[in-house]
Amino acid sequence: MPVFEYKALDRRGRKKTGIIDGESLVSARSKLREKGIYPTTMAEVGSEQPGSGDAPGESFAGRFFFGRIKNAELAMVTRQLATLLSAGFPLISAVSSLVTQTRSKPLKKVLSKIKGSIEEGKSFAEALAMYPSLFSAIYINMIRAGESSGTLEIVLERLADITEKREETKKKIQAALAYPVLMAIVGALVLLFLLAYIVPGIIAIFSDMNQTLPGPTLFLISVSSFLKRFWWAVLLVPFLCVVALYCTARNERGAYMIDKTLFLTPKLGDLLKKLSAARFSRILASLLANGVPMMTALGISRATAGNRVISAIISRASKAVEQGGELGVSLGAESVFPSLAVEMIKIGEKSGQLERMLEKTADLYEREVEVSVTAMTALLEPLIILVMGAVVGFIVLSVCLPIFEMNQLVK
């Protein structure tokens, strides 16, 4: 059913905006008038061109709007929907209630289109699948499994838990890294300003005296002259490096090499392995617990791994499981997955409690990631201060050395 965005006036002449669905523009206008709302302008949202075959979520406008929908908003709507279904609301009524309650305009539009698709006879999973840029493969497949088993509200609760847990971990990592990164950027800019504009004025005094300057002072003069003339290059090089890295990451082979290099990096590699193990365990446990077959669950876990190296390992493990092998043994043959995660998966397979052991593995490594990030940032802060102090100390020493030599000559 088409969805229309409107601007209108109520009976008291106050301006109102919103969205409403209807069979046609005339039908939508009639609905609004029945509510005492008189539209001034109306336009169909995300209208599809006949024969285009594109899902509305895949249009340019759709990608622009849906990209603004935050994961936190999606988690909140998922939990609200689960609550309404648990209270006995039919699916269409529950979605309709969310449309009126949701404040986010882009999300309101998506929910309205989903409601219209369900009214046209599509399943909830099919309606969500029209928006792959918003709803992940995990989300859609778990909804499909919930609809098939009649446990949709339980599945929605679990999806809300997964999304909230992921956002919580992401925010903790971002909060832990925010201060060190800000310190590094500000420190680098301050040092660049000192070397390019402040130091040259001080050093010029010694240059005019035609005195033989110490080695550190000459080096500082050279660095300062270079930065004063080519400061734009210092800013341009990091930008070009980021662009080159981005272009490399868009290539499948290049992205694989980047991921592999990150895994081989000391400390950071161990952290990424733990994070990958937690993500894989959480996704696989959720899918299996909601009735998704093992091979399908492994395929979804591989597609949503977010790392080419992990995806390749899961792909090889899937083939081994399909041929009758054990998941734990297949993952253990690789050197990437943490050994404890592999052992817990093996125990889960032998005891018939794979989902429970995967959940425990995810909880364990998510806690370890948080602890590791906290420890790394605790080391980063003094390290940044130490580096900045060393550079500033070198600048002070380079400026003071000629002064000391001049004092000795005067004596």
Protein backbone atom coordinates (compact mmCIF):
# COMPACT_ATOMS: atom_id res chain seq x y z
CA MET A 1 0.00 0.00 0.00
CA PRO A 2 1.40 3.42 -0.91
CA VAL A 3 2.58 5.70 1.88
CA PHE A 4 2.17 9.48 1.66
CA GLU A 5 4.01 12.24 3.48
CA TYR A 6 1.86 15.28 4.22
CA LYS A 7 1.85 18.82 5.53
CA ALA A 8 -1.51 19.88 6.91
CA LEU A 9 -3.55 22.08 9.23
CA ASP A 10 -5.79 20.86 12.03
CA ARG A 11 -9.17 22.33 13.03
CA ARG A 12 -7.43 25.05 15.05
CA GLY A 13 -5.21 26.03 12.15
CA ARG A 14 -2.02 24.56 13.63
CA LYS A 15 0.54 23.08 11.25
CA LYS A 16 1.02 19.30 11.30
CA THR A 17 3.32 16.96 9.39
CA GLY A 18 3.39 13.19 9.17
CA ILE A 19 2.83 10.16 7.00
CA ILE A 20 -0.23 8.07 6.22
CA ASP A 21 -0.96 5.07 4.03
CA GLY A 22 -3.82 4.71 1.60
CA GLU A 23 -4.93 2.96 -1.57
CA SER A 24 -4.49 6.24 -3.44
CA LEU A 25 -3.85 9.92 -2.88
CA VAL A 26 -7.61 10.54 -2.66
CA SER A 27 -8.03 7.75 -0.10
CA ALA A 28 -5.18 9.13 2.02
CA ARG A 29 -6.71 12.64 1.92
CA SER A 30 -10.07 11.22 3.02
CA LYS A 31 -8.45 9.43 5.96
CA LEU A 32 -6.86 12.67 7.11
CA ARG A 33 -10.08 14.66 6.80
CA GLU A 34 -11.89 12.06 8.92
CA LYS A 35 -9.32 12.78 11.66
CA GLY A 36 -9.90 16.52 11.37
CA ILE A 37 -6.63 17.12 9.53
CA TYR A 38 -6.69 19.10 6.27
CA PRO A 39 -3.63 18.48 4.02
CA THR A 40 -2.00 21.34 2.16
CA THR A 41 0.62 19.22 0.36
CA MET A 42 0.96 15.44 -0.06
CA ALA A 43 3.57 13.31 -1.82
CA GLU A 44 4.06 9.57 -2.10
CA VAL A 45 7.09 8.24 -0.20
CA GLY A 46 9.57 5.95 -1.98
CA SER A 47 7.35 5.42 -5.00
CA GLU A 48 8.56 2.68 -7.33
CA GLN A 49 8.75 3.13 -11.06
CA PRO A 50 6.81 0.47 -12.92
CA GLY A 51 9.02 -2.24 -14.25
CA SER A 52 12.09 -1.03 -12.43
CA GLY A 53 12.25 -4.09 -10.23
CA ASP A 54 14.16 -2.22 -7.55
CA ALA A 55 13.18 -2.48 -3.93
CA PRO A 56 12.37 0.88 -2.45
CA GLY A 57 15.14 0.40 0.06
CA GLU A 58 17.65 0.24 -2.77
CA SER A 59 16.84 3.57 -4.43
CA PHE A 60 19.21 6.47 -3.95
CA ALA A 61 16.67 8.36 -1.84
CA GLY A 62 16.02 5.20 0.16
CA ARG A 63 19.70 4.66 0.89
CA PHE A 64 20.01 8.32 1.87
CA PHE A 65 17.14 8.14 4.36
CA PHE A 66 17.70 4.62 5.69
CA GLY A 67 21.37 5.32 6.30
CA ARG A 68 20.26 7.88 8.91
CA ILE A 69 18.44 5.21 10.96
CA LYS A 70 20.61 4.33 13.96
CA ASN A 71 21.04 0.82 15.30
CA ALA A 72 19.85 2.06 18.70
CA GLU A 73 16.54 3.16 17.11
CA LEU A 74 16.19 -0.18 15.37
CA ALA A 75 16.84 -2.05 18.65
CA MET A 76 14.24 0.05 20.46
CA VAL A 77 11.59 -0.55 17.78
CA THR A 78 12.38 -4.29 17.78
CA ARG A 79 11.89 -4.50 21.55
CA GLN A 80 8.67 -2.46 21.39
CA LEU A 81 7.32 -4.75 18.67
CA ALA A 82 8.18 -7.82 20.77
CA THR A 83 6.34 -6.30 23.76
CA LEU A 84 3.23 -5.55 21.70
CA LEU A 85 3.13 -9.06 20.20
CA SER A 86 3.58 -10.60 23.66
CA ALA A 87 0.61 -8.51 24.83
CA GLY A 88 -1.57 -10.14 22.16
CA PHE A 89 -1.51 -7.46 19.44
CA PRO A 90 -1.80 -8.76 15.84
CA LEU A 91 1.32 -8.05 13.78
CA ILE A 92 -0.28 -5.37 11.58
CA SER A 93 -1.75 -3.56 14.60
CA ALA A 94 1.59 -3.72 16.39
CA VAL A 95 3.47 -2.26 13.41
CA SER A 96 0.77 0.39 12.98
CA SER A 97 1.19 1.39 16.64
CA LEU A 98 4.93 1.74 16.14
CA VAL A 99 4.36 4.01 13.13
CA THR A 100 2.46 6.49 15.31
CA GLN A 101 4.93 6.25 18.23
CA THR A 102 8.22 6.46 16.33
CA ARG A 103 9.76 9.93 16.22
CA SER A 104 12.37 9.19 13.55
CA LYS A 105 10.93 10.21 10.18
CA PRO A 106 13.02 7.79 8.08
CA LEU A 107 12.12 4.87 10.36
CA LYS A 108 8.46 5.91 10.36
CA LYS A 109 8.48 5.78 6.54
CA VAL A 110 10.07 2.33 6.50
CA LEU A 111 7.60 0.96 9.06
CA SER A 112 4.68 2.36 7.05
CA LYS A 113 5.92 0.67 3.87
CA ILE A 114 6.45 -2.61 5.77
CA LYS A 115 2.90 -2.39 7.16
CA GLY A 116 1.58 -1.86 3.63
CA SER A 117 3.54 -4.88 2.34
CA ILE A 118 2.11 -7.11 5.10
CA GLU A 119 -1.42 -5.91 4.29
CA GLU A 120 -0.79 -6.89 0.66
CA GLY A 121 -0.13 -10.49 1.76
CA LYS A 122 3.63 -10.62 2.21
CA SER A 123 5.17 -12.24 5.28
CA PHE A 124 6.97 -10.07 7.81
CA ALA A 125 10.36 -11.47 6.70
CA GLU A 126 9.55 -10.78 3.03
CA ALA A 127 8.57 -7.19 3.89
CA LEU A 128 11.83 -6.67 5.79
CA ALA A 129 13.85 -8.22 2.95
CA MET A 130 12.83 -5.26 0.75
CA TYR A 131 15.21 -3.12 2.84
CA PRO A 132 18.55 -5.00 2.93
CA SER A 133 20.44 -1.78 3.65
CA LEU A 134 18.59 -1.53 6.98
CA PHE A 135 17.79 -5.12 8.02
CA SER A 136 20.73 -7.54 7.99
CA ALA A 137 20.62 -11.14 6.79
CA ILE A 138 20.71 -12.28 10.44
CA TYR A 139 17.68 -10.15 11.27
CA ILE A 140 15.63 -11.33 8.31
CA ASN A 141 16.47 -15.04 8.71
CA MET A 142 15.72 -15.00 12.44
CA ILE A 143 12.36 -13.31 11.75
CA ARG A 144 11.63 -15.94 9.09
CA ALA A 145 12.46 -18.72 11.57
CA GLY A 146 10.29 -17.06 14.23
CA GLU A 147 7.33 -16.81 11.86
CA SER A 148 7.70 -20.49 10.89
CA SER A 149 7.90 -21.68 14.51
CA GLY A 150 5.29 -19.29 15.93
CA THR A 151 7.77 -17.69 18.32
CA LEU A 152 8.10 -14.29 16.64
CA GLU A 153 7.94 -12.29 19.88
CA ILE A 154 10.74 -14.40 21.45
CA VAL A 155 12.89 -13.95 18.33
CA LEU A 156 12.30 -10.18 18.38
CA GLU A 157 13.37 -10.01 22.03
CA ARG A 158 16.55 -11.88 21.15
CA LEU A 159 17.24 -9.61 18.17
CA ALA A 160 16.83 -6.57 20.40
CA ASP A 161 19.29 -8.09 22.89
CA ILE A 162 21.84 -8.76 20.12
CA THR A 163 21.56 -5.26 18.65
CA GLU A 164 21.75 -3.57 22.04
CA LYS A 165 24.72 -5.70 23.12
CA ARG A 166 26.60 -4.88 19.91
CA GLU A 167 25.87 -1.16 20.27
CA GLU A 168 26.95 -1.24 23.91
CA THR A 169 30.28 -2.88 23.04
CA LYS A 170 30.81 -0.48 20.14
CA LYS A 171 30.14 2.58 22.33
CA LYS A 172 32.47 1.34 25.06
CA ILE A 173 35.30 0.90 22.54
CA GLN A 174 34.61 4.31 20.98
CA ALA A 175 34.48 6.00 24.40
CA ALA A 176 37.74 4.35 25.44
CA LEU A 177 39.54 5.43 22.26
CA ALA A 178 38.04 8.91 21.97
CA TYR A 179 40.36 10.67 24.45
CA PRO A 180 43.68 9.17 23.23
CA VAL A 181 42.77 9.83 19.60
CA LEU A 182 41.77 13.43 20.39
CA MET A 183 45.01 13.93 22.33
CA ALA A 184 47.07 12.57 19.44
CA ILE A 185 45.35 14.80 16.84
CA VAL A 186 45.53 17.97 18.95
CA GLY A 187 49.14 17.23 19.94
CA ALA A 188 50.19 16.67 16.33
CA LEU A 189 48.52 19.92 15.20
CA VAL A 190 50.12 21.91 18.05
CA LEU A 191 53.58 20.53 17.26
CA LEU A 192 53.09 21.23 13.56
CA PHE A 193 52.13 24.82 14.38
CA LEU A 194 55.15 25.24 16.69
CA LEU A 195 57.59 23.88 14.14
CA ALA A 196 56.13 25.74 11.17
CA TYR A 197 55.48 29.19 12.67
CA ILE A 198 56.88 29.70 16.20
CA VAL A 199 60.27 28.01 16.04
CA PRO A 200 61.44 29.80 12.81
CA GLY A 201 61.11 33.19 14.52
CA ILE A 202 63.25 32.06 17.45
CA ILE A 203 65.85 30.28 15.33
CA ALA A 204 66.20 33.29 12.99
CA ILE A 205 67.92 35.17 15.83
CA PHE A 206 70.77 32.62 15.87
CA SER A 207 71.01 32.40 12.07
CA ASP A 208 71.62 36.18 11.82
CA MET A 209 74.64 35.92 14.18
CA ASN A 210 76.63 33.83 11.67
CA GLN A 211 77.51 31.48 14.50
CA THR A 212 78.20 27.76 14.10
CA LEU A 213 75.10 26.11 15.49
CA PRO A 214 74.91 22.72 17.26
CA GLY A 215 73.68 19.65 15.37
CA PRO A 216 70.24 19.44 17.10
CA THR A 217 69.59 23.11 16.31
CA LEU A 218 70.54 22.64 12.63
CA PHE A 219 68.27 19.62 12.44
CA LEU A 220 65.41 21.61 13.99
CA ILE A 221 65.99 24.44 11.49
CA SER A 222 65.83 21.95 8.60
CA VAL A 223 62.61 20.36 9.89
CA SER A 224 61.06 23.77 10.56
CA SER A 225 61.97 25.05 7.06
CA PHE A 226 60.53 21.94 5.45
CA LEU A 227 57.26 22.20 7.38
CA LYS A 228 56.95 25.91 6.67
CA ARG A 229 57.32 25.34 2.94
CA PHE A 230 55.54 21.98 2.61
CA TRP A 231 53.00 21.94 5.48
CA TRP A 232 50.32 21.07 2.93
CA ALA A 233 52.22 17.89 2.02
CA VAL A 234 52.25 16.79 5.68
CA LEU A 235 48.44 17.05 5.70
CA LEU A 236 48.04 15.63 2.20
CA VAL A 237 50.08 12.44 2.74
CA PRO A 238 47.81 11.00 5.49
CA PHE A 239 44.78 11.85 3.36
CA LEU A 240 46.26 10.05 0.33
CA CYS A 241 47.13 7.06 2.54
CA VAL A 242 43.51 6.84 3.72
CA VAL A 243 42.25 7.07 0.11
CA ALA A 244 44.70 4.37 -1.01
CA LEU A 245 43.63 2.15 1.89
CA TYR A 246 39.98 2.69 1.01
CA CYS A 247 40.56 1.82 -2.66
CA THR A 248 42.51 -1.30 -1.64
CA ALA A 249 39.76 -2.37 0.75
CA ARG A 250 37.17 -2.22 -2.06
CA ASN A 251 39.11 -4.90 -3.92
CA GLU A 252 38.41 -8.41 -2.57
CA ARG A 253 42.05 -9.52 -2.63
CA GLY A 254 43.24 -6.20 -1.21
CA ALA A 255 40.67 -6.34 1.60
CA TYR A 256 41.77 -9.88 2.45
CA MET A 257 45.42 -8.77 2.68
CA ILE A 258 44.47 -5.82 4.92
CA ASP A 259 42.50 -8.08 7.27
CA LYS A 260 45.33 -10.62 7.34
CA THR A 261 47.89 -7.91 8.10
CA LEU A 262 45.74 -6.59 10.95
CA PHE A 263 45.54 -10.10 12.43
CA LEU A 264 49.35 -10.36 12.34
CA THR A 265 49.80 -7.02 14.14
CA PRO A 266 50.96 -7.53 17.76
CA LYS A 267 48.31 -6.80 20.42
CA LEU A 268 45.84 -5.43 17.87
CA GLY A 269 45.70 -8.82 16.11
CA ASP A 270 44.82 -10.63 19.36
CA LEU A 271 42.13 -8.06 20.11
CA LEU A 272 40.58 -8.46 16.64
CA LYS A 273 40.65 -12.26 16.94
CA LYS A 274 38.76 -12.10 20.23
CA LEU A 275 36.27 -9.64 18.77
CA SER A 276 35.72 -11.89 15.72
CA ALA A 277 35.28 -14.97 17.94
CA ALA A 278 32.71 -13.12 20.07
CA ARG A 279 30.79 -11.87 17.02
CA PHE A 280 30.78 -15.29 15.32
CA SER A 281 29.70 -17.10 18.50
CA ARG A 282 26.91 -14.61 19.26
CA ILE A 283 25.45 -14.72 15.75
CA LEU A 284 25.66 -18.50 15.37
CA ALA A 285 24.16 -19.11 18.84
CA SER A 286 21.22 -16.78 18.12
CA LEU A 287 20.49 -18.36 14.75
CA LEU A 288 20.69 -21.96 16.03
CA ALA A 289 18.61 -21.16 19.12
CA ASN A 290 15.81 -19.87 16.88
CA GLY A 291 15.63 -22.92 14.65
CA VAL A 292 17.82 -21.88 11.74
CA PRO A 293 19.55 -24.98 10.25
CA MET A 294 23.30 -25.31 10.90
CA MET A 295 24.40 -24.85 7.28
CA THR A 296 22.17 -21.80 6.80
CA ALA A 297 23.37 -20.36 10.11
CA LEU A 298 27.02 -20.84 9.13
CA GLY A 299 26.35 -19.19 5.78
CA ILE A 300 24.80 -16.15 7.46
CA SER A 301 27.62 -16.00 10.04
CA ARG A 302 30.17 -16.06 7.21
CA ALA A 303 28.38 -13.26 5.32
CA THR A 304 28.20 -11.04 8.40
CA ALA A 305 31.66 -11.77 9.84
CA GLY A 306 33.00 -8.37 8.76
CA ASN A 307 36.46 -9.85 8.13
CA ARG A 308 37.61 -11.68 4.99
CA VAL A 309 40.00 -13.97 6.87
CA ILE A 310 37.26 -15.10 9.27
CA SER A 311 34.80 -15.48 6.36
CA ALA A 312 37.26 -17.78 4.55
CA ILE A 313 37.74 -19.89 7.71
CA ILE A 314 33.98 -20.19 8.29
CA SER A 315 33.51 -21.14 4.62
CA ARG A 316 36.05 -23.98 4.92
CA ALA A 317 34.49 -25.09 8.22
CA SER A 318 31.02 -25.12 6.57
CA LYS A 319 32.25 -27.46 3.85
CA ALA A 320 33.76 -29.76 6.48
CA VAL A 321 30.50 -29.79 8.51
CA GLU A 322 28.49 -30.46 5.35
CA GLN A 323 30.66 -33.52 4.73
CA GLY A 324 30.01 -34.83 8.24
CA GLY A 325 32.85 -33.19 10.16
CA GLU A 326 32.68 -31.31 13.46
CA LEU A 327 32.65 -27.52 13.62
CA GLY A 328 35.09 -27.32 16.53
CA VAL A 329 37.63 -29.58 14.85
CA SER A 330 37.38 -27.60 11.59
CA LEU A 331 37.89 -24.26 13.34
CA GLY A 332 40.71 -25.73 15.44
CA ALA A 333 42.63 -26.59 12.28
CA GLU A 334 43.03 -22.83 11.71
CA SER A 335 45.42 -20.70 13.77
CA VAL A 336 43.15 -17.65 13.84
CA PHE A 337 40.37 -18.67 16.22
CA PRO A 338 41.35 -18.52 19.93
CA SER A 339 42.01 -22.01 21.31
CA LEU A 340 39.60 -21.55 24.23
CA ALA A 341 36.75 -20.70 21.84
CA VAL A 342 37.51 -23.83 19.81
CA GLU A 343 37.53 -26.02 22.93
CA MET A 344 34.23 -24.59 24.16
CA ILE A 345 32.63 -25.26 20.76
CA LYS A 346 33.93 -28.87 20.87
CA ILE A 347 32.46 -29.35 24.34
CA GLY A 348 29.14 -27.88 23.18
CA GLU A 349 28.98 -30.26 20.22
CA LYS A 350 29.76 -33.33 22.37
CA SER A 351 27.30 -32.38 25.12
CA GLY A 352 24.51 -31.33 22.74
CA GLN A 353 24.53 -27.79 24.18
CA LEU A 354 26.25 -25.96 21.34
CA GLU A 355 24.02 -22.86 21.53
CA ARG A 356 24.67 -22.48 25.28
CA MET A 357 28.43 -22.85 24.90
CA LEU A 358 28.48 -20.38 22.00
CA GLU A 359 26.66 -17.84 24.18
CA LYS A 360 29.20 -18.37 26.98
CA THR A 361 32.04 -17.96 24.46
CA ALA A 362 30.55 -14.69 23.20
CA ASP A 363 30.11 -13.35 26.75
CA LEU A 364 33.68 -14.35 27.69
CA TYR A 365 35.38 -12.71 24.71
CA GLU A 366 33.22 -9.58 24.79
CA ARG A 367 34.38 -9.03 28.39
CA GLU A 368 37.99 -9.74 27.38
CA VAL A 369 37.74 -7.22 24.52
CA GLU A 370 36.47 -4.54 26.91
CA VAL A 371 39.30 -5.26 29.36
CA SER A 372 41.90 -5.27 26.56
CA VAL A 373 40.66 -1.98 25.10
CA THR A 374 40.70 -0.36 28.55
CA ALA A 375 44.26 -1.61 29.14
CA MET A 376 45.44 -0.42 25.71
CA THR A 377 43.96 3.05 26.16
CA ALA A 378 45.48 3.25 29.65
CA LEU A 379 48.88 2.70 27.99
CA LEU A 380 48.17 4.97 25.03
CA GLU A 381 47.55 8.10 27.10
CA PRO A 382 50.95 8.17 28.88
CA LEU A 383 52.65 7.05 25.65
CA ILE A 384 51.20 10.02 23.72
CA ILE A 385 52.19 12.38 26.55
CA LEU A 386 55.70 10.86 26.59
CA VAL A 387 56.13 11.29 22.81
CA MET A 388 54.86 14.88 22.91
CA GLY A 389 57.09 15.62 25.89
CA ALA A 390 60.12 14.18 24.08
CA VAL A 391 59.44 16.30 20.96
CA VAL A 392 58.86 19.48 22.99
CA GLY A 393 61.98 18.70 25.05
CA PHE A 394 64.01 18.33 21.86
CA ILE A 395 62.70 21.69 20.60
CA VAL A 396 63.59 23.39 23.92
CA LEU A 397 67.04 21.78 23.93
CA SER A 398 67.70 22.83 20.33
CA VAL A 399 66.79 26.43 21.16
CA CYS A 400 68.75 26.51 24.44
CA LEU A 401 72.01 24.94 23.19
CA PRO A 402 73.10 28.01 21.13
CA ILE A 403 72.25 30.23 24.11
CA PHE A 404 74.49 28.15 26.40
CA GLU A 405 77.33 28.34 23.84
CA MET A 406 76.94 32.14 23.57
CA ASN A 407 77.16 32.43 27.38
CA GLN A 408 80.38 30.43 27.40
CA LEU A 409 81.88 32.70 24.71
CA VAL A 410 80.96 35.81 26.71
CA LYS A 411 82.72 34.40 29.79
